[in-house]
């Protein structure tokens, strides 16, 4: 009896060891989680575009300028952006195709190669016009100008001024400015002052 009980214990221990060995060497079964399906694009009839117009200027010393705008759609959709002038290049897919997600602000960038004015036209997949966006890009500024006008109500005199300054292409370039001023006194009915100033900065 004692031997048979011992055999049962040994068999039980041996069986448990074999089961543990099998669990350790069992191959891992990969578990894959299917990716979330994106909403299929729809043909939208409404699109918000901001700002209402694009304006910019090529910086001194540069040849190109980047301008951009944003669009918003309540549904996932595809739009097409076209320019009235080939000097504006749209950062989009073939034929100006842009995929817009639902309820997100989508940025659209454009590169302008020369100063000019034109219009961007945005359509849906059916060709219906959703928005038009006028734009204007000016050439680099060469000079800055300013004018001033003042009136002395107690002395009955008026003064006017005009200034002109250059626009350096680099922070290392020197700058200059010219200033002109004139004053007129109504008490004596003649010009009573005149100034000319020149300044240079480097």
C-alpha atoms as a PDB file:
ATOM      1  CA  UNK A   1       0.000   0.000   0.000  1.00  0.00           C
ATOM      2  CA  UNK A   2       2.771   2.327   0.901  1.00  0.00           C
ATOM      3  CA  UNK A   3       4.540   1.619  -2.462  1.00  0.00           C
ATOM      4  CA  UNK A   4       1.381   2.139  -4.506  1.00  0.00           C
ATOM      5  CA  UNK A   5       0.704   5.473  -2.775  1.00  0.00           C
ATOM      6  CA  UNK A   6       4.231   6.572  -3.447  1.00  0.00           C
ATOM      7  CA  UNK A   7       3.841   5.645  -7.111  1.00  0.00           C
ATOM      8  CA  UNK A   8       0.682   7.746  -7.359  1.00  0.00           C
ATOM      9  CA  UNK A   9       2.455  10.736  -5.869  1.00  0.00           C
ATOM     10  CA  UNK A  10       5.399  10.317  -8.236  1.00  0.00           C
ATOM     11  CA  UNK A  11       3.081   9.993 -11.246  1.00  0.00           C
ATOM     12  CA  UNK A  12       1.170  13.109 -10.198  1.00  0.00           C
ATOM     13  CA  UNK A  13       4.362  15.161  -9.804  1.00  0.00           C
ATOM     14  CA  UNK A  14       5.686  13.872 -13.133  1.00  0.00           C
ATOM     15  CA  UNK A  15       2.420  14.751 -14.876  1.00  0.00           C
ATOM     16  CA  UNK A  16       2.481  18.281 -13.492  1.00  0.00           C
ATOM     17  CA  UNK A  17       6.089  18.740 -14.641  1.00  0.00           C
ATOM     18  CA  UNK A  18       5.185  17.587 -18.169  1.00  0.00           C
ATOM     19  CA  UNK A  19       2.213  19.980 -18.256  1.00  0.00           C
ATOM     20  CA  UNK A  20       4.396  22.919 -17.148  1.00  0.00           C
ATOM     21  CA  UNK A  21       7.016  22.020 -19.761  1.00  0.00           C
ATOM     22  CA  UNK A  22       4.365  21.993 -22.464  1.00  0.00           C
ATOM     23  CA  UNK A  23       3.055  25.378 -21.400  1.00  0.00           C
ATOM     24  CA  UNK A  24       6.578  26.868 -21.478  1.00  0.00           C
ATOM     25  CA  UNK A  25       7.368  25.587 -24.970  1.00  0.00           C
ATOM     26  CA  UNK A  26       3.968  26.299 -26.460  1.00  0.00           C
ATOM     27  CA  UNK A  27       4.298  28.640 -29.445  1.00  0.00           C
ATOM     28  CA  UNK A  28       2.899  32.134 -28.990  1.00  0.00           C
ATOM     29  CA  UNK A  29      -0.232  32.768 -30.989  1.00  0.00           C
ATOM     30  CA  UNK A  30      -0.126  36.254 -32.532  1.00  0.00           C
ATOM     31  CA  UNK A  31      -3.153  38.414 -31.903  1.00  0.00           C
ATOM     32  CA  UNK A  32      -3.831  41.044 -34.517  1.00  0.00           C
ATOM     33  CA  UNK A  33      -6.104  44.004 -33.993  1.00  0.00           C
ATOM     34  CA  UNK A  34      -7.693  45.222 -37.201  1.00  0.00           C
ATOM     35  CA  UNK A  35      -6.936  48.904 -37.880  1.00  0.00           C
ATOM     36  CA  UNK A  36      -9.726  51.380 -37.433  1.00  0.00           C
ATOM     37  CA  UNK A  37     -11.398  52.061 -40.737  1.00  0.00           C
ATOM     38  CA  UNK A  38     -11.233  55.655 -41.908  1.00  0.00           C
ATOM     39  CA  UNK A  39     -14.414  57.288 -43.029  1.00  0.00           C
ATOM     40  CA  UNK A  40     -14.800  57.195 -46.787  1.00  0.00           C
ATOM     41  CA  UNK A  41     -14.707  60.674 -48.350  1.00  0.00           C
ATOM     42  CA  UNK A  42     -18.036  62.147 -49.355  1.00  0.00           C
ATOM     43  CA  UNK A  43     -18.861  64.801 -51.928  1.00  0.00           C
ATOM     44  CA  UNK A  44     -19.362  67.871 -49.779  1.00  0.00           C
ATOM     45  CA  UNK A  45     -21.470  70.839 -50.764  1.00  0.00           C
ATOM     46  CA  UNK A  46     -20.194  73.146 -48.031  1.00  0.00           C
ATOM     47  CA  UNK A  47     -16.658  74.197 -47.153  1.00  0.00           C
ATOM     48  CA  UNK A  48     -15.379  76.958 -44.881  1.00  0.00           C
ATOM     49  CA  UNK A  49     -12.274  78.810 -46.079  1.00  0.00           C
ATOM     50  CA  UNK A  50     -10.210  81.359 -44.149  1.00  0.00           C
ATOM     51  CA  UNK A  51      -9.026  84.047 -44.553  1.00  0.00           C
ATOM     52  CA  UNK A  52     -11.331  85.574 -47.161  1.00  0.00           C
ATOM     53  CA  UNK A  53      -8.369  86.831 -49.225  1.00  0.00           C
ATOM     54  CA  UNK A  54      -4.612  86.284 -49.337  1.00  0.00           C
ATOM     55  CA  UNK A  55      -2.106  89.131 -49.448  1.00  0.00           C
ATOM     56  CA  UNK A  56       1.637  89.112 -49.153  1.00  0.00           C
ATOM     57  CA  UNK A  57       4.900  90.580 -50.312  1.00  0.00           C
ATOM     58  CA  UNK A  58       8.154  89.021 -51.432  1.00  0.00           C
ATOM     59  CA  UNK A  59      10.841  89.841 -48.882  1.00  0.00           C
ATOM     60  CA  UNK A  60      13.859  91.920 -49.978  1.00  0.00           C
ATOM     61  CA  UNK A  61      16.557  89.676 -51.425  1.00  0.00           C
ATOM     62  CA  UNK A  62      14.120  86.782 -51.984  1.00  0.00           C
ATOM     63  CA  UNK A  63      12.592  85.375 -55.152  1.00  0.00           C
ATOM     64  CA  UNK A  64       9.725  83.325 -53.703  1.00  0.00           C
ATOM     65  CA  UNK A  65       7.107  83.716 -51.005  1.00  0.00           C
ATOM     66  CA  UNK A  66       4.922  81.178 -49.227  1.00  0.00           C
ATOM     67  CA  UNK A  67       1.257  81.869 -48.534  1.00  0.00           C
ATOM     68  CA  UNK A  68      -1.360  79.601 -47.030  1.00  0.00           C
ATOM     69  CA  UNK A  69      -4.962  79.223 -45.987  1.00  0.00           C
ATOM     70  CA  UNK A  70      -7.116  76.732 -44.084  1.00  0.00           C
ATOM     71  CA  UNK A  71     -10.282  74.848 -44.969  1.00  0.00           C
ATOM     72  CA  UNK A  72     -12.852  73.132 -42.751  1.00  0.00           C
ATOM     73  CA  UNK A  73     -15.420  70.457 -43.559  1.00  0.00           C
ATOM     74  CA  UNK A  74     -17.887  68.670 -41.282  1.00  0.00           C
ATOM     75  CA  UNK A  75     -17.419  65.460 -43.272  1.00  0.00           C
ATOM     76  CA  UNK A  76     -14.372  63.729 -44.719  1.00  0.00           C
ATOM     77  CA  UNK A  77     -14.106  64.865 -48.303  1.00  0.00           C
ATOM     78  CA  UNK A  78     -11.836  65.555 -51.256  1.00  0.00           C
ATOM     79  CA  UNK A  79     -11.464  68.995 -52.783  1.00  0.00           C
ATOM     80  CA  UNK A  80      -9.573  70.384 -55.743  1.00  0.00           C
ATOM     81  CA  UNK A  81      -7.685  73.682 -55.609  1.00  0.00           C
ATOM     82  CA  UNK A  82      -6.805  75.473 -58.833  1.00  0.00           C
ATOM     83  CA  UNK A  83      -5.053  78.785 -59.474  1.00  0.00           C
ATOM     84  CA  UNK A  84      -5.857  81.258 -62.218  1.00  0.00           C
ATOM     85  CA  UNK A  85      -2.119  81.861 -62.749  1.00  0.00           C
ATOM     86  CA  UNK A  86       0.692  79.286 -63.137  1.00  0.00           C
ATOM     87  CA  UNK A  87       2.996  81.501 -61.064  1.00  0.00           C
ATOM     88  CA  UNK A  88       1.221  80.230 -57.960  1.00  0.00           C
ATOM     89  CA  UNK A  89       2.084  76.605 -57.152  1.00  0.00           C
ATOM     90  CA  UNK A  90      -0.218  74.619 -54.866  1.00  0.00           C
ATOM     91  CA  UNK A  91       1.194  72.037 -52.447  1.00  0.00           C
ATOM     92  CA  UNK A  92      -1.389  69.369 -53.248  1.00  0.00           C
ATOM     93  CA  UNK A  93      -1.818  66.094 -55.091  1.00  0.00           C
ATOM     94  CA  UNK A  94      -2.496  65.522 -58.757  1.00  0.00           C
ATOM     95  CA  UNK A  95      -4.818  68.146 -60.253  1.00  0.00           C
ATOM     96  CA  UNK A  96      -4.730  70.065 -56.958  1.00  0.00           C
ATOM     97  CA  UNK A  97      -6.430  67.272 -55.020  1.00  0.00           C
ATOM     98  CA  UNK A  98      -6.537  67.692 -51.234  1.00  0.00           C
ATOM     99  CA  UNK A  99      -8.046  65.216 -48.785  1.00  0.00           C
ATOM    100  CA  UNK A 100      -9.806  66.943 -45.893  1.00  0.00           C
ATOM    101  CA  UNK A 101     -10.651  65.135 -42.665  1.00  0.00           C
ATOM    102  CA  UNK A 102     -13.891  65.652 -40.815  1.00  0.00           C
ATOM    103  CA  UNK A 103     -14.000  68.473 -38.251  1.00  0.00           C
ATOM    104  CA  UNK A 104     -10.325  69.448 -38.565  1.00  0.00           C
ATOM    105  CA  UNK A 105      -8.616  72.569 -39.871  1.00  0.00           C
ATOM    106  CA  UNK A 106      -6.687  71.534 -42.973  1.00  0.00           C
ATOM    107  CA  UNK A 107      -3.746  73.762 -43.950  1.00  0.00           C
ATOM    108  CA  UNK A 108      -3.024  74.295 -47.642  1.00  0.00           C
ATOM    109  CA  UNK A 109       0.248  75.958 -48.653  1.00  0.00           C
ATOM    110  CA  UNK A 110       1.131  77.707 -51.896  1.00  0.00           C
ATOM    111  CA  UNK A 111       4.381  79.061 -53.328  1.00  0.00           C
ATOM    112  CA  UNK A 112       4.388  82.236 -55.428  1.00  0.00           C
ATOM    113  CA  UNK A 113       7.248  82.641 -57.902  1.00  0.00           C
ATOM    114  CA  UNK A 114       6.556  86.215 -59.080  1.00  0.00           C
ATOM    115  CA  UNK A 115       4.516  89.200 -57.913  1.00  0.00           C
ATOM    116  CA  UNK A 116       0.992  89.098 -59.353  1.00  0.00           C
ATOM    117  CA  UNK A 117      -2.695  88.902 -58.485  1.00  0.00           C
ATOM    118  CA  UNK A 118      -5.120  86.087 -59.137  1.00  0.00           C
ATOM    119  CA  UNK A 119      -7.830  83.828 -57.780  1.00  0.00           C
ATOM    120  CA  UNK A 120      -7.881  80.368 -56.232  1.00  0.00           C
ATOM    121  CA  UNK A 121     -10.918  78.248 -57.055  1.00  0.00           C
ATOM    122  CA  UNK A 122     -11.924  75.355 -54.790  1.00  0.00           C
ATOM    123  CA  UNK A 123     -14.272  72.677 -56.129  1.00  0.00           C
ATOM    124  CA  UNK A 124     -15.629  69.348 -54.916  1.00  0.00           C
ATOM    125  CA  UNK A 125     -15.251  65.988 -56.671  1.00  0.00           C
ATOM    126  CA  UNK A 126     -18.251  66.771 -58.895  1.00  0.00           C
ATOM    127  CA  UNK A 127     -16.714  70.046 -60.069  1.00  0.00           C
ATOM    128  CA  UNK A 128     -19.079  72.302 -58.143  1.00  0.00           C
ATOM    129  CA  UNK A 129     -17.415  75.510 -56.937  1.00  0.00           C
ATOM    130  CA  UNK A 130     -17.257  75.624 -53.148  1.00  0.00           C
ATOM    131  CA  UNK A 131     -15.251  78.846 -52.719  1.00  0.00           C
ATOM    132  CA  UNK A 132     -13.118  81.400 -54.527  1.00  0.00           C
ATOM    133  CA  UNK A 133     -10.163  83.039 -52.837  1.00  0.00           C
ATOM    134  CA  UNK A 134      -8.552  86.164 -54.337  1.00  0.00           C
ATOM    135  CA  UNK A 135      -4.879  86.751 -53.678  1.00  0.00           C
ATOM    136  CA  UNK A 136      -2.295  89.464 -54.274  1.00  0.00           C
ATOM    137  CA  UNK A 137       1.477  89.306 -53.974  1.00  0.00           C
ATOM    138  CA  UNK A 138       3.505  92.524 -54.261  1.00  0.00           C
ATOM    139  CA  UNK A 139       7.194  92.872 -55.197  1.00  0.00           C
ATOM    140  CA  UNK A 140       9.853  93.533 -52.546  1.00  0.00           C
ATOM    141  CA  UNK A 141       9.808  96.989 -51.000  1.00  0.00           C
ATOM    142  CA  UNK A 142      12.728  99.221 -51.867  1.00  0.00           C
ATOM    143  CA  UNK A 143      11.883 102.173 -49.604  1.00  0.00           C
ATOM    144  CA  UNK A 144       9.576 103.000 -46.700  1.00  0.00           C
ATOM    145  CA  UNK A 145       7.635 106.251 -46.764  1.00  0.00           C
ATOM    146  CA  UNK A 146       5.696 108.164 -44.150  1.00  0.00           C
ATOM    147  CA  UNK A 147       3.953 111.529 -43.944  1.00  0.00           C
ATOM    148  CA  UNK A 148       2.679 113.632 -41.055  1.00  0.00           C
ATOM    149  CA  UNK A 149       0.481 116.685 -40.636  1.00  0.00           C
ATOM    150  CA  UNK A 150      -0.002 118.786 -37.511  1.00  0.00           C
ATOM    151  CA  UNK A 151      -2.028 121.848 -36.555  1.00  0.00           C
ATOM    152  CA  UNK A 152      -1.453 124.155 -33.596  1.00  0.00           C
ATOM    153  CA  UNK A 153      -4.906 125.371 -32.570  1.00  0.00           C
ATOM    154  CA  UNK A 154      -3.492 127.997 -30.205  1.00  0.00           C
ATOM    155  CA  UNK A 155      -0.805 129.370 -32.476  1.00  0.00           C
ATOM    156  CA  UNK A 156      -2.797 128.978 -35.696  1.00  0.00           C
ATOM    157  CA  UNK A 157       0.067 127.227 -37.411  1.00  0.00           C
ATOM    158  CA  UNK A 158       0.282 124.059 -39.450  1.00  0.00           C
ATOM    159  CA  UNK A 159       3.249 121.775 -40.052  1.00  0.00           C
ATOM    160  CA  UNK A 160       3.829 118.932 -42.494  1.00  0.00           C
ATOM    161  CA  UNK A 161       6.554 116.323 -42.714  1.00  0.00           C
ATOM    162  CA  UNK A 162       7.693 113.587 -45.063  1.00  0.00           C
ATOM    163  CA  UNK A 163      10.301 110.876 -44.558  1.00  0.00           C
ATOM    164  CA  UNK A 164      11.913 108.334 -46.834  1.00  0.00           C
ATOM    165  CA  UNK A 165      14.088 105.381 -45.800  1.00  0.00           C
ATOM    166  CA  UNK A 166      15.589 102.353 -47.499  1.00  0.00           C
ATOM    167  CA  UNK A 167      14.675  98.704 -46.842  1.00  0.00           C
ATOM    168  CA  UNK A 168      17.908  96.719 -46.332  1.00  0.00           C
ATOM    169  CA  UNK A 169      18.064  93.224 -47.816  1.00  0.00           C
ATOM    170  CA  UNK A 170      20.127  92.028 -44.863  1.00  0.00           C
ATOM    171  CA  UNK A 171      20.379  92.993 -41.177  1.00  0.00           C
ATOM    172  CA  UNK A 172      24.045  93.717 -41.915  1.00  0.00           C
ATOM    173  CA  UNK A 173      23.278  96.279 -44.623  1.00  0.00           C
ATOM    174  CA  UNK A 174      23.455  99.974 -43.668  1.00  0.00           C
ATOM    175  CA  UNK A 175      20.296 102.031 -43.605  1.00  0.00           C
ATOM    176  CA  UNK A 176      19.549 105.633 -44.435  1.00  0.00           C
ATOM    177  CA  UNK A 177      16.610 108.005 -44.105  1.00  0.00           C
ATOM    178  CA  UNK A 178      15.678 111.472 -45.383  1.00  0.00           C
ATOM    179  CA  UNK A 179      13.318 113.820 -43.546  1.00  0.00           C
ATOM    180  CA  UNK A 180      11.631 116.970 -44.815  1.00  0.00           C
ATOM    181  CA  UNK A 181       9.493 119.366 -42.810  1.00  0.00           C
ATOM    182  CA  UNK A 182       7.697 122.636 -43.419  1.00  0.00           C
ATOM    183  CA  UNK A 183       5.658 125.004 -41.242  1.00  0.00           C
ATOM    184  CA  UNK A 184       3.078 127.654 -42.119  1.00  0.00           C
ATOM    185  CA  UNK A 185       1.910 130.419 -39.770  1.00  0.00           C
ATOM    186  CA  UNK A 186      -1.583 131.750 -40.424  1.00  0.00           C
ATOM    187  CA  UNK A 187      -0.969 134.760 -38.199  1.00  0.00           C
ATOM    188  CA  UNK A 188       1.551 136.150 -40.661  1.00  0.00           C
ATOM    189  CA  UNK A 189       0.274 134.196 -43.672  1.00  0.00           C
ATOM    190  CA  UNK A 190       3.592 132.742 -44.700  1.00  0.00           C
ATOM    191  CA  UNK A 191       5.940 129.798 -44.292  1.00  0.00           C
ATOM    192  CA  UNK A 192       7.877 130.250 -41.094  1.00  0.00           C
ATOM    193  CA  UNK A 193      10.010 127.079 -40.960  1.00  0.00           C
ATOM    194  CA  UNK A 194      11.584 124.424 -43.125  1.00  0.00           C
ATOM    195  CA  UNK A 195      13.814 121.476 -42.246  1.00  0.00           C
ATOM    196  CA  UNK A 196      15.814 118.826 -44.071  1.00  0.00           C
ATOM    197  CA  UNK A 197      17.455 115.919 -42.281  1.00  0.00           C
ATOM    198  CA  UNK A 198      19.623 112.982 -43.302  1.00  0.00           C
ATOM    199  CA  UNK A 199      20.541 110.033 -41.107  1.00  0.00           C
ATOM    200  CA  UNK A 200      22.595 106.903 -41.677  1.00  0.00           C
ATOM    201  CA  UNK A 201      22.652 103.782 -39.494  1.00  0.00           C
ATOM    202  CA  UNK A 202      24.956 100.781 -39.603  1.00  0.00           C
END
